[in-house]
Amino acid sequence: MMNRNYIKFYIFLRSLTVIFSLLFFESCTSQSNAVTSSRSEAKSLPTLMQTECPIPLEMGKIYGNHGKKEDIDQVLKKLKLLIDDICTGNLNHLPELVFGELGLFIDAKGHWTKEEVLKDLKNPEGYFQTYFFNQSLLDKKKGNQGNLTIQMALRSSNGLVIDYFFDSSKETEVQIKFKENPINMRYLINPVFAKIEGEWMLLRML
């Protein structure tokens, strides 16, 4: 069992990291029309090719000096499990990827406990259903038409290339690159995995 004070401190540090990352991201966004915020409101193309499931994943580049092969393989396995689920229209394996005491950063701003994640997964009009699968709900939420769900964005990729950024031996940020329609990468956030009690767990959702 992890020390609760450590857990609170860890979440606090991760929150600061996410906030500073968001501020940097928004700064870059204001300087370039080519870069937009996550969960973008930009409209999709009228016709969009959809990759069949499962979506092919390829190993990309590894940054940092802490990425051991066994860690990279485990992170890729967990990520593939999550992406395969999203592609087929569910998040059945998400609960087992979330460490109970750390919870999950669901986007660039919000942190949920595991209990909150489980509750939302049961909600047919909740966050996950809206942003990941239901375009009608998403358009209603955004107030305009043509927004892509995460599922639609991933399936427009025709394959994914995965880069790893190891800040330490205990944490890595993953960048998901699209082989086609790279503009739709804007709908995703770089997921973060943390090694907790010897197991790689999802700390920030894509």
Protein backbone atom coordinates (compact mmCIF):
# COMPACT_ATOMS: atom_id res chain seq x y z
CA MET A 1 0.00 0.00 0.00
CA MET A 2 1.40 3.39 -0.99
CA ASN A 3 1.74 6.09 1.69
CA ARG A 4 -1.30 8.39 1.41
CA ASN A 5 0.72 11.56 2.01
CA TYR A 6 3.03 10.53 -0.83
CA ILE A 7 0.02 9.92 -3.07
CA LYS A 8 -1.42 13.37 -2.33
CA PHE A 9 1.98 14.98 -2.94
CA TYR A 10 2.41 13.02 -6.18
CA ILE A 11 -1.00 14.11 -7.47
CA PHE A 12 -0.17 17.71 -6.51
CA LEU A 13 3.10 17.58 -8.46
CA ARG A 14 1.43 15.98 -11.47
CA SER A 15 -1.28 18.65 -11.37
CA LEU A 16 1.36 21.37 -11.49
CA THR A 17 3.07 19.60 -14.39
CA VAL A 18 -0.19 19.34 -16.30
CA ILE A 19 -1.01 23.01 -15.67
CA PHE A 20 2.42 24.21 -16.86
CA SER A 21 2.21 21.89 -19.87
CA LEU A 22 -1.21 23.33 -20.70
CA LEU A 23 0.05 26.91 -20.40
CA PHE A 24 3.00 26.12 -22.68
CA PHE A 25 0.68 24.36 -25.12
CA GLU A 26 -1.70 27.31 -25.23
CA SER A 27 1.23 29.68 -25.74
CA CYS A 28 2.38 27.65 -28.72
CA THR A 29 -1.19 27.53 -30.00
CA SER A 30 -1.49 31.29 -30.06
CA GLN A 31 1.60 31.49 -32.27
CA SER A 32 0.50 28.98 -34.87
CA ASN A 33 -2.83 28.27 -36.52
CA ALA A 34 -1.57 24.77 -37.24
CA VAL A 35 -1.63 23.83 -33.58
CA THR A 36 -4.93 23.67 -31.69
CA SER A 37 -5.91 22.69 -28.15
CA SER A 38 -6.78 19.11 -27.16
CA ARG A 39 -10.39 18.06 -27.62
CA SER A 40 -10.46 20.56 -30.53
CA GLU A 41 -13.68 22.00 -31.86
CA ALA A 42 -12.41 22.05 -35.45
CA LYS A 43 -14.66 20.36 -37.98
CA SER A 44 -13.79 17.08 -39.67
CA LEU A 45 -13.59 16.49 -43.39
CA PRO A 46 -16.91 15.58 -45.02
CA THR A 47 -15.62 12.07 -45.79
CA LEU A 48 -13.15 10.29 -43.54
CA MET A 49 -11.61 6.87 -44.12
CA GLN A 50 -11.97 4.67 -41.05
CA THR A 51 -9.19 2.17 -40.27
CA GLU A 52 -10.39 -1.32 -39.43
CA CYS A 53 -9.86 -2.59 -35.89
CA PRO A 54 -7.41 -3.36 -34.44
CA ILE A 55 -5.46 -0.27 -35.45
CA PRO A 56 -1.83 -1.18 -36.25
CA LEU A 57 0.73 0.19 -33.76
CA GLU A 58 4.42 0.69 -34.55
CA MET A 59 7.33 1.48 -32.28
CA GLY A 60 8.62 5.01 -32.80
CA LYS A 61 11.45 6.84 -31.04
CA ILE A 62 12.49 6.55 -27.41
CA TYR A 63 13.66 9.71 -25.65
CA GLY A 64 15.54 9.79 -22.36
CA ASN A 65 17.94 7.33 -20.76
CA HIS A 66 15.47 5.39 -18.64
CA GLY A 67 13.53 3.35 -21.18
CA LYS A 68 14.26 -0.33 -20.62
CA LYS A 69 12.92 -2.84 -23.12
CA GLU A 70 10.72 -4.63 -20.60
CA ASP A 71 9.15 -1.32 -19.54
CA ILE A 72 8.58 -0.20 -23.12
CA ASP A 73 6.98 -3.54 -23.97
CA GLN A 74 4.65 -3.38 -20.98
CA VAL A 75 3.57 0.21 -21.72
CA LEU A 76 2.93 -0.67 -25.36
CA LYS A 77 0.87 -3.70 -24.31
CA LYS A 78 -1.29 -1.56 -22.00
CA LEU A 79 -1.66 1.17 -24.62
CA LYS A 80 -2.65 -1.33 -27.32
CA LEU A 81 -5.28 -2.80 -24.99
CA LEU A 82 -6.76 0.66 -24.47
CA ILE A 83 -6.66 1.66 -28.14
CA ASP A 84 -8.17 -1.66 -29.26
CA ASP A 85 -11.06 -1.07 -26.86
CA ILE A 86 -11.62 2.50 -28.07
CA CYS A 87 -11.51 1.36 -31.69
CA THR A 88 -14.28 -1.20 -31.08
CA GLY A 89 -16.38 1.23 -29.04
CA ASN A 90 -15.78 0.53 -25.36
CA LEU A 91 -13.44 1.15 -22.43
CA ASN A 92 -13.77 -2.27 -20.82
CA HIS A 93 -10.12 -2.49 -19.76
CA LEU A 94 -9.78 1.07 -18.48
CA PRO A 95 -10.60 0.26 -14.82
CA GLU A 96 -7.75 -2.25 -14.57
CA LEU A 97 -5.33 0.32 -15.99
CA VAL A 98 -6.11 2.91 -13.29
CA PHE A 99 -4.33 2.59 -9.94
CA GLY A 100 -6.93 3.00 -7.23
CA GLU A 101 -5.13 5.49 -5.01
CA LEU A 102 -3.74 7.69 -7.79
CA GLY A 103 -6.79 7.95 -10.02
CA LEU A 104 -6.65 9.37 -13.53
CA PHE A 105 -6.09 12.70 -15.26
CA ILE A 106 -8.92 12.55 -17.79
CA ASP A 107 -7.71 15.52 -19.85
CA ALA A 108 -5.29 18.42 -19.58
CA LYS A 109 -7.23 19.95 -16.68
CA GLY A 110 -9.20 17.39 -14.69
CA HIS A 111 -8.20 14.68 -12.22
CA TRP A 112 -10.65 11.96 -11.15
CA THR A 113 -10.49 9.28 -8.51
CA LYS A 114 -10.94 5.72 -9.71
CA GLU A 115 -14.44 5.75 -8.24
CA GLU A 116 -15.31 8.79 -10.37
CA VAL A 117 -13.92 7.03 -13.45
CA LEU A 118 -16.05 3.96 -12.78
CA LYS A 119 -19.15 6.09 -12.20
CA ASP A 120 -18.71 7.98 -15.48
CA LEU A 121 -18.17 4.78 -17.44
CA LYS A 122 -21.70 3.76 -16.47
CA ASN A 123 -23.20 7.07 -17.61
CA PRO A 124 -24.57 6.86 -21.20
CA GLU A 125 -24.14 10.64 -21.54
CA GLY A 126 -20.98 10.99 -19.46
CA TYR A 127 -17.54 12.35 -20.34
CA PHE A 128 -16.15 9.15 -21.83
CA GLN A 129 -19.24 8.36 -23.88
CA THR A 130 -19.37 11.94 -25.18
CA TYR A 131 -15.74 12.56 -26.07
CA PHE A 132 -14.73 9.05 -27.07
CA PHE A 133 -17.72 7.53 -28.86
CA ASN A 134 -20.86 9.60 -29.42
CA GLN A 135 -20.49 12.32 -32.05
CA SER A 136 -24.05 13.59 -31.55
CA LEU A 137 -23.43 14.16 -27.85
CA LEU A 138 -20.07 15.77 -28.64
CA ASP A 139 -21.57 18.17 -31.20
CA LYS A 140 -24.25 19.10 -28.67
CA LYS A 141 -21.58 19.68 -26.02
CA LYS A 142 -19.46 21.83 -28.34
CA GLY A 143 -22.40 23.69 -29.88
CA ASN A 144 -21.35 22.98 -33.46
CA GLN A 145 -21.30 20.15 -35.98
CA GLY A 146 -18.55 17.90 -37.31
CA ASN A 147 -16.43 17.29 -34.20
CA LEU A 148 -14.52 14.03 -34.11
CA THR A 149 -14.74 11.63 -31.20
CA ILE A 150 -11.51 10.02 -30.03
CA GLN A 151 -12.64 6.79 -31.65
CA MET A 152 -13.19 8.52 -35.00
CA ALA A 153 -9.86 10.35 -34.80
CA LEU A 154 -7.94 7.15 -34.06
CA ARG A 155 -9.68 5.25 -36.83
CA SER A 156 -8.78 7.99 -39.32
CA SER A 157 -5.06 7.34 -38.69
CA ASN A 158 -4.46 4.25 -40.89
CA GLY A 159 -1.97 3.16 -38.24
CA LEU A 160 -0.18 4.70 -35.26
CA VAL A 161 3.48 5.34 -34.44
CA ILE A 162 4.29 5.48 -30.73
CA ASP A 163 7.07 7.67 -29.30
CA TYR A 164 8.16 7.45 -25.65
CA PHE A 165 9.47 10.23 -23.42
CA PHE A 166 10.97 8.77 -20.23
CA ASP A 167 11.34 11.46 -17.56
CA SER A 168 12.50 8.74 -15.16
CA SER A 169 12.44 4.97 -14.80
CA LYS A 170 9.02 5.35 -13.16
CA GLU A 171 7.15 7.54 -15.65
CA THR A 172 6.78 8.01 -19.38
CA GLU A 173 4.71 10.25 -21.61
CA VAL A 174 3.59 8.69 -24.87
CA GLN A 175 3.08 10.58 -28.11
CA ILE A 176 0.69 8.98 -30.59
CA LYS A 177 1.44 9.89 -34.23
CA PHE A 178 -0.95 9.28 -37.12
CA LYS A 179 0.25 7.80 -40.40
CA GLU A 180 -2.57 9.60 -42.21
CA ASN A 181 -4.72 12.62 -41.31
CA PRO A 182 -2.17 13.92 -38.77
CA ILE A 183 -4.36 17.01 -38.25
CA ASN A 184 -6.69 14.75 -36.24
CA MET A 185 -3.98 14.17 -33.65
CA ARG A 186 -5.27 17.43 -32.14
CA TYR A 187 -8.18 15.50 -30.62
CA LEU A 188 -5.83 13.44 -28.46
CA ILE A 189 -3.76 14.22 -25.39
CA ASN A 190 -0.42 12.50 -24.82
CA PRO A 191 -1.16 9.70 -22.31
CA VAL A 192 1.14 9.28 -19.31
CA PHE A 193 2.02 5.97 -17.66
CA ALA A 194 3.53 5.57 -14.19
CA LYS A 195 5.23 2.49 -12.78
CA ILE A 196 3.56 1.73 -9.47
CA GLU A 197 4.45 -1.30 -7.36
CA GLY A 198 6.22 -2.82 -10.36
CA GLU A 199 3.28 -2.38 -12.75
CA TRP A 200 2.81 0.29 -15.44
CA MET A 201 -0.51 2.06 -14.87
CA LEU A 202 -2.32 4.77 -16.84
CA LEU A 203 -1.95 8.14 -15.12
CA ARG A 204 -3.31 10.44 -17.86
CA MET A 205 -5.87 9.45 -20.48
CA LEU A 206 -5.26 9.98 -24.18
